[in-house]
Amino acid sequence: MKSVVLKSGYEMPVLGLGTWPLKGNECTEVVKTALQLGYRHIDTAADYQNHADIGRALQESDIERSDLFITSKVSRGDLHYDDFLRATERILAELAVDYLDLLLIHWPNKEIPLEETLEAMARLQEEGKVRSLGVSNFTEAHIRQAMRAFPDLISVNQVEFHPYLYQKELLNFCREHHIVLTAYSPLAQGRIFKDQRVKELTDKYGFSPSQLVLKWLLDKGIVVIPKASSPGHLKDNLDVLDLDIDAKVLGVLDGLNENMRLIFPDFHEFDLE
């Protein structure tokens, strides 16, 4: 599995399995299948309520823990210092693991001082309960605030990123500061499969729409965590790591941006103000 070296010094596989909104036995079986196919990077979150389901898959696998990369996220309501520590302990217990490879703040929360959360994160890293730290759904302004308090703590920013939401300025900012950008909803929740422009390219060159889009992201140095359920789709996504697609073909996707945000929760505007 190809990987990228994080600011923390640890390696992160460039392709992982997104697990929202998988739950229950389906979640367990999908994760088990993914691991059998060669996935080693599993992404989850407290808000997904599937930690125990994923934990069962990990326990039933014969893959060494050191060969896995497990990411989870703490809910935005648990960002006070003590709450964050307790939330992380719950995550570890539910997953039945001793440490997380990557722990993220799931969403920013302007009601809770960011510095307080970062202090808790730094403590968890010092204690060995978390190897790398990051954020999710953070804007450039949010990241700058974090860097003022802890210049080298943040290794990853996980955000919605796909051809219809090409966040080029944020990507360039993260690159400049050695922060790896991870794309969730990289296939735009299936919208790419209905796009005639994408279909024309895939029909002409013989790869799938998901492979085209994932390769477009990977070639920009972005880590991808597509959600898939069927063995066929899981394998199709994994096969992109060995696929060569001409840069001119990938470049067509650069022109599809519509600033279309698909994930827009009740707490509006990502606490931008």
Foldseek 3Di string as FASTA:
>chain_A
DDWDQWLLRDTDHLEAAEQPQDADQLSLVQLLLLVVLPHQEYEEEVVNVHLLSVLVNVVPDPDDPVSHAYEYEYEQVQQAQVSLLVSLVVSCVSSVHQAHAEYEHEFHDPVHDNLRSVVNVVVCCVVVRYRAYAYELDAPVRVVSVCVNPVRRHGEYEYADELQAHPPVRLVSCVVSNHAYEHECHCVVVVQVVDVLLVVLCVVPPADSLLLGSLLQVVSRHRYHYHDRDSVVSNSNVCSVVDDDDPVSSVVSNPNYNNDDDDADPVGPSPPD
